C-alpha cells in the first residue's frame, strides 16, 4: 500500500526462499536511494503476495545485520547481479523477509 496515497501497489520482484519465508532485496539496481516499494513496506508491513498461482498475506520486515549476513548469499545465489548493485551504491541495500500469515 502506498505510504502517502493509500493505494494498492504492485511490484514484480526476484525472490529467494528460506523455510516458509520469502526473501526480497531492495536493490533498486544500485541506485543511491531505496526503492519506493521498500519505503511503502516500512510504512505498512502487511502485504499481499503472489508467487505463481499462490496468493497469501504476509508481514514484511527488514533483516537484522546478523540475518542479512546469512541471507545475502542466498539472494545472490538466485540473482548474482546483486553483488554488482552493492558495489555500485554507498547505501546499505536492505534485505526484506516476508513471513506468510497462517
N, C-alpha and C. Protein backbone atom coordinates (compact mmCIF):
# COMPACT_ATOMS: atom_id res chain seq x y z
N UNK A 1 0.85 -1.18 0.00
CA UNK A 1 0.00 0.00 0.00
C UNK A 1 0.89 1.24 0.00
N UNK A 2 0.57 2.18 -0.89
CA UNK A 2 1.36 3.41 -0.96
C UNK A 2 1.31 4.17 0.35
N UNK A 3 2.44 4.59 0.84
CA UNK A 3 2.51 5.23 2.17
C UNK A 3 1.84 6.59 2.20
N UNK A 4 1.76 7.28 1.07
CA UNK A 4 1.07 8.56 1.06
C UNK A 4 -0.27 8.50 0.35
N UNK A 5 -0.37 7.66 -0.68
CA UNK A 5 -1.62 7.59 -1.45
C UNK A 5 -2.64 6.65 -0.82
N UNK A 6 -2.17 5.63 -0.12
CA UNK A 6 -3.07 4.61 0.42
C UNK A 6 -3.56 3.64 -0.64
N UNK A 7 -3.06 3.76 -1.86
CA UNK A 7 -3.49 2.90 -2.95
C UNK A 7 -2.67 1.61 -2.97
N UNK A 8 -3.31 0.55 -3.43
CA UNK A 8 -2.61 -0.72 -3.61
C UNK A 8 -1.57 -0.56 -4.71
N UNK A 9 -0.39 -1.08 -4.48
CA UNK A 9 0.70 -1.03 -5.46
C UNK A 9 1.14 -2.45 -5.78
N UNK A 10 1.63 -2.67 -6.99
CA UNK A 10 2.09 -3.99 -7.39
C UNK A 10 3.50 -3.85 -7.94
N UNK A 11 4.39 -4.70 -7.46
CA UNK A 11 5.77 -4.68 -7.91
C UNK A 11 6.24 -6.12 -8.10
N UNK A 12 6.75 -6.44 -9.27
CA UNK A 12 7.31 -7.76 -9.53
C UNK A 12 8.77 -7.77 -9.06
N UNK A 13 9.13 -8.75 -8.24
CA UNK A 13 10.47 -8.81 -7.67
C UNK A 13 11.05 -10.22 -7.77
N UNK A 14 12.35 -10.29 -7.82
CA UNK A 14 13.06 -11.56 -7.71
C UNK A 14 13.02 -11.95 -6.23
N UNK A 15 12.92 -13.23 -5.94
CA UNK A 15 12.86 -13.66 -4.55
C UNK A 15 13.65 -14.94 -4.35
N UNK A 16 14.01 -15.16 -3.12
CA UNK A 16 14.60 -16.42 -2.67
C UNK A 16 13.72 -16.92 -1.54
N UNK A 17 13.90 -18.14 -1.15
CA UNK A 17 13.14 -18.66 -0.02
C UNK A 17 14.09 -19.17 1.05
N UNK A 18 13.59 -19.11 2.26
CA UNK A 18 14.32 -19.67 3.42
C UNK A 18 13.24 -20.21 4.32
N UNK A 19 13.06 -21.54 4.31
CA UNK A 19 11.96 -22.13 5.05
C UNK A 19 10.66 -21.66 4.42
N UNK A 20 9.73 -21.18 5.23
CA UNK A 20 8.45 -20.68 4.73
C UNK A 20 8.53 -19.21 4.29
N UNK A 21 9.62 -18.54 4.63
CA UNK A 21 9.76 -17.11 4.34
C UNK A 21 10.25 -16.87 2.91
N UNK A 22 9.90 -15.69 2.41
CA UNK A 22 10.37 -15.24 1.12
C UNK A 22 11.33 -14.09 1.37
N UNK A 23 12.43 -14.06 0.63
CA UNK A 23 13.48 -13.06 0.80
C UNK A 23 13.51 -12.20 -0.45
N UNK A 24 13.40 -10.88 -0.26
CA UNK A 24 13.50 -9.94 -1.38
C UNK A 24 14.56 -8.89 -1.05
N UNK A 25 15.11 -8.29 -2.07
CA UNK A 25 16.22 -7.35 -1.90
C UNK A 25 15.83 -5.99 -2.46
N UNK A 26 16.00 -4.95 -1.67
CA UNK A 26 15.65 -3.58 -2.08
C UNK A 26 16.85 -2.93 -2.77
N UNK A 27 17.27 -3.52 -3.87
CA UNK A 27 18.49 -3.07 -4.55
C UNK A 27 18.29 -1.83 -5.41
N UNK A 28 17.15 -1.72 -6.07
CA UNK A 28 16.89 -0.63 -7.00
C UNK A 28 18.03 -0.45 -7.99
N UNK A 29 18.61 -1.59 -8.40
CA UNK A 29 19.68 -1.55 -9.40
C UNK A 29 20.92 -0.82 -8.92
N UNK A 30 21.09 -0.67 -7.61
CA UNK A 30 22.24 0.04 -7.07
C UNK A 30 22.06 1.55 -7.03
N UNK A 31 20.82 2.01 -7.16
CA UNK A 31 20.53 3.45 -7.09
C UNK A 31 20.91 3.99 -5.72
N UNK A 32 21.12 5.30 -5.61
CA UNK A 32 21.54 5.89 -4.33
C UNK A 32 20.44 5.90 -3.26
N UNK A 33 19.17 5.72 -3.65
CA UNK A 33 18.08 5.74 -2.67
C UNK A 33 17.31 4.43 -2.71
N UNK A 34 16.67 4.11 -1.59
CA UNK A 34 15.85 2.91 -1.53
C UNK A 34 14.69 3.01 -2.52
N UNK A 35 14.26 1.86 -3.04
CA UNK A 35 13.10 1.89 -3.95
C UNK A 35 11.83 2.28 -3.21
N UNK A 36 10.89 2.83 -3.94
CA UNK A 36 9.63 3.27 -3.32
C UNK A 36 8.88 2.11 -2.66
N UNK A 37 8.92 0.93 -3.27
CA UNK A 37 8.20 -0.20 -2.67
C UNK A 37 8.74 -0.53 -1.27
N UNK A 38 10.05 -0.34 -1.09
CA UNK A 38 10.64 -0.60 0.24
C UNK A 38 10.14 0.43 1.25
N UNK A 39 10.08 1.67 0.84
CA UNK A 39 9.58 2.72 1.74
C UNK A 39 8.12 2.45 2.10
N UNK A 40 7.35 1.95 1.14
CA UNK A 40 5.96 1.59 1.42
C UNK A 40 5.88 0.44 2.43
N UNK A 41 6.76 -0.55 2.30
CA UNK A 41 6.77 -1.66 3.26
C UNK A 41 7.15 -1.20 4.66
N UNK A 42 8.07 -0.26 4.73
CA UNK A 42 8.44 0.27 6.05
C UNK A 42 7.23 0.92 6.72
N UNK A 43 6.43 1.62 5.93
CA UNK A 43 5.26 2.32 6.47
C UNK A 43 4.09 1.37 6.74
N UNK A 44 3.97 0.33 5.92
CA UNK A 44 2.86 -0.62 6.07
C UNK A 44 3.38 -2.02 5.76
N UNK A 45 3.83 -2.76 6.76
CA UNK A 45 4.46 -4.06 6.53
C UNK A 45 3.49 -5.21 6.23
N UNK A 46 2.20 -4.96 6.29
CA UNK A 46 1.23 -6.01 5.96
C UNK A 46 1.02 -6.00 4.45
N UNK A 47 1.33 -7.11 3.78
CA UNK A 47 1.32 -7.14 2.32
C UNK A 47 0.56 -8.34 1.77
N UNK A 48 0.13 -8.20 0.54
CA UNK A 48 -0.43 -9.31 -0.21
C UNK A 48 0.64 -9.74 -1.21
N UNK A 49 0.86 -11.05 -1.30
CA UNK A 49 1.93 -11.58 -2.14
C UNK A 49 1.35 -12.60 -3.10
N UNK A 50 1.88 -12.62 -4.31
CA UNK A 50 1.53 -13.67 -5.26
C UNK A 50 2.81 -14.26 -5.80
N UNK A 51 2.95 -15.57 -5.65
CA UNK A 51 4.08 -16.32 -6.19
C UNK A 51 3.47 -17.39 -7.08
N UNK A 52 3.59 -17.21 -8.39
CA UNK A 52 2.89 -18.11 -9.31
C UNK A 52 1.39 -18.00 -9.04
N UNK A 53 0.70 -19.11 -8.95
CA UNK A 53 -0.74 -19.05 -8.68
C UNK A 53 -1.08 -18.86 -7.20
N UNK A 54 -0.09 -19.01 -6.33
CA UNK A 54 -0.32 -18.90 -4.89
C UNK A 54 -0.42 -17.45 -4.45
N UNK A 55 -1.50 -17.11 -3.73
CA UNK A 55 -1.69 -15.77 -3.18
C UNK A 55 -1.85 -15.89 -1.67
N UNK A 56 -1.20 -14.98 -0.93
CA UNK A 56 -1.26 -15.02 0.52
C UNK A 56 -0.91 -13.66 1.10
N UNK A 57 -1.24 -13.46 2.36
CA UNK A 57 -0.83 -12.25 3.07
C UNK A 57 0.43 -12.57 3.87
N UNK A 58 1.22 -11.55 4.07
CA UNK A 58 2.49 -11.72 4.78
C UNK A 58 2.82 -10.44 5.53
N UNK A 59 3.75 -10.59 6.44
CA UNK A 59 4.31 -9.44 7.16
C UNK A 59 5.74 -9.26 6.70
N UNK A 60 6.09 -8.04 6.33
CA UNK A 60 7.43 -7.72 5.85
C UNK A 60 8.24 -7.07 6.97
N UNK A 61 9.51 -7.42 7.03
CA UNK A 61 10.42 -6.75 7.95
C UNK A 61 11.82 -6.78 7.36
N UNK A 62 12.60 -5.77 7.69
CA UNK A 62 13.97 -5.70 7.24
C UNK A 62 14.82 -6.64 8.07
N UNK A 63 15.65 -7.42 7.41
CA UNK A 63 16.53 -8.35 8.11
C UNK A 63 17.52 -7.58 8.99
N UNK A 64 17.82 -8.15 10.14
CA UNK A 64 18.86 -7.57 11.00
C UNK A 64 20.21 -7.76 10.32
N UNK A 65 21.24 -7.12 10.85
CA UNK A 65 22.58 -7.28 10.29
C UNK A 65 23.02 -8.74 10.30
N UNK A 66 22.71 -9.44 11.40
CA UNK A 66 23.09 -10.84 11.51
C UNK A 66 22.32 -11.69 10.49
N UNK A 67 21.03 -11.43 10.35
CA UNK A 67 20.23 -12.17 9.37
C UNK A 67 20.72 -11.88 7.96
N UNK A 68 21.04 -10.62 7.69
CA UNK A 68 21.49 -10.24 6.35
C UNK A 68 22.78 -10.97 5.98
N UNK A 69 23.67 -11.16 6.94
CA UNK A 69 24.91 -11.90 6.67
C UNK A 69 24.61 -13.29 6.14
N UNK A 70 23.56 -13.91 6.65
CA UNK A 70 23.19 -15.26 6.21
C UNK A 70 22.34 -15.23 4.93
N UNK A 71 21.50 -14.21 4.79
CA UNK A 71 20.55 -14.18 3.68
C UNK A 71 21.10 -13.58 2.39
N UNK A 72 22.06 -12.67 2.50
CA UNK A 72 22.62 -12.06 1.30
C UNK A 72 23.15 -13.12 0.33
N UNK A 73 23.95 -14.09 0.79
CA UNK A 73 24.43 -15.11 -0.14
C UNK A 73 23.29 -15.94 -0.76
N UNK A 74 22.21 -16.13 -0.04
CA UNK A 74 21.05 -16.85 -0.57
C UNK A 74 20.45 -16.06 -1.73
N UNK A 75 20.30 -14.75 -1.55
CA UNK A 75 19.75 -13.89 -2.60
C UNK A 75 20.69 -13.83 -3.80
N UNK A 76 21.98 -13.71 -3.54
CA UNK A 76 22.97 -13.63 -4.62
C UNK A 76 23.02 -14.93 -5.42
N UNK A 77 22.78 -16.05 -4.77
CA UNK A 77 22.75 -17.34 -5.49
C UNK A 77 21.61 -17.36 -6.50
N UNK A 78 20.51 -16.67 -6.18
CA UNK A 78 19.36 -16.59 -7.10
C UNK A 78 19.61 -15.55 -8.19
N UNK A 79 20.24 -14.43 -7.80
CA UNK A 79 20.46 -13.32 -8.74
C UNK A 79 21.84 -12.72 -8.47
N UNK A 80 22.89 -13.25 -9.10
CA UNK A 80 24.26 -12.79 -8.83
C UNK A 80 24.51 -11.30 -9.06
N UNK A 81 23.71 -10.65 -9.87
CA UNK A 81 23.89 -9.23 -10.17
C UNK A 81 23.73 -8.36 -8.93
N UNK A 82 23.11 -8.87 -7.86
CA UNK A 82 23.01 -8.09 -6.62
C UNK A 82 24.39 -7.63 -6.15
N UNK A 83 25.41 -8.43 -6.38
CA UNK A 83 26.77 -8.03 -5.97
C UNK A 83 27.23 -6.79 -6.74
N UNK A 84 26.90 -6.70 -8.02
CA UNK A 84 27.24 -5.52 -8.81
C UNK A 84 26.49 -4.30 -8.29
N UNK A 85 25.22 -4.51 -7.93
CA UNK A 85 24.43 -3.41 -7.39
C UNK A 85 25.02 -2.90 -6.07
N UNK A 86 25.46 -3.83 -5.24
CA UNK A 86 26.04 -3.45 -3.95
C UNK A 86 27.32 -2.63 -4.16
N UNK A 87 28.12 -3.02 -5.15
CA UNK A 87 29.36 -2.29 -5.43
C UNK A 87 29.09 -0.91 -6.02
N UNK A 88 27.94 -0.75 -6.63
CA UNK A 88 27.59 0.49 -7.33
C UNK A 88 27.08 1.60 -6.40
N UNK A 89 26.62 1.24 -5.20
CA UNK A 89 26.00 2.23 -4.32
C UNK A 89 26.72 2.34 -2.98
N UNK A 90 26.54 3.48 -2.33
CA UNK A 90 27.10 3.68 -1.00
C UNK A 90 26.11 3.29 0.09
N UNK A 91 24.82 3.13 -0.27
CA UNK A 91 23.82 2.79 0.74
C UNK A 91 23.87 1.31 1.08
N UNK A 92 23.41 0.99 2.25
CA UNK A 92 23.28 -0.40 2.66
C UNK A 92 21.99 -0.94 2.06
N UNK A 93 22.10 -1.89 1.15
CA UNK A 93 20.92 -2.43 0.48
C UNK A 93 20.16 -3.34 1.44
N UNK A 94 18.90 -3.01 1.72
CA UNK A 94 18.13 -3.83 2.65
C UNK A 94 17.71 -5.18 2.07
N UNK A 95 17.73 -6.16 2.92
CA UNK A 95 17.15 -7.47 2.62
C UNK A 95 15.87 -7.55 3.43
N UNK A 96 14.78 -7.93 2.78
CA UNK A 96 13.47 -7.96 3.42
C UNK A 96 12.99 -9.41 3.54
N UNK A 97 12.44 -9.72 4.68
CA UNK A 97 11.88 -11.04 4.94
C UNK A 97 10.36 -10.91 4.93
N UNK A 98 9.71 -11.70 4.07
CA UNK A 98 8.26 -11.76 4.02
C UNK A 98 7.83 -13.06 4.68
N UNK A 99 7.14 -12.94 5.81
CA UNK A 99 6.68 -14.12 6.53
C UNK A 99 5.18 -14.29 6.31
N UNK A 100 4.80 -15.40 5.63
CA UNK A 100 3.38 -15.64 5.39
C UNK A 100 2.60 -15.75 6.70
N UNK A 101 1.38 -15.24 6.68
CA UNK A 101 0.50 -15.37 7.83
C UNK A 101 -0.20 -16.71 7.76
N UNK A 102 -0.48 -17.30 8.93
CA UNK A 102 -1.17 -18.60 8.93
C UNK A 102 -2.58 -18.51 8.37
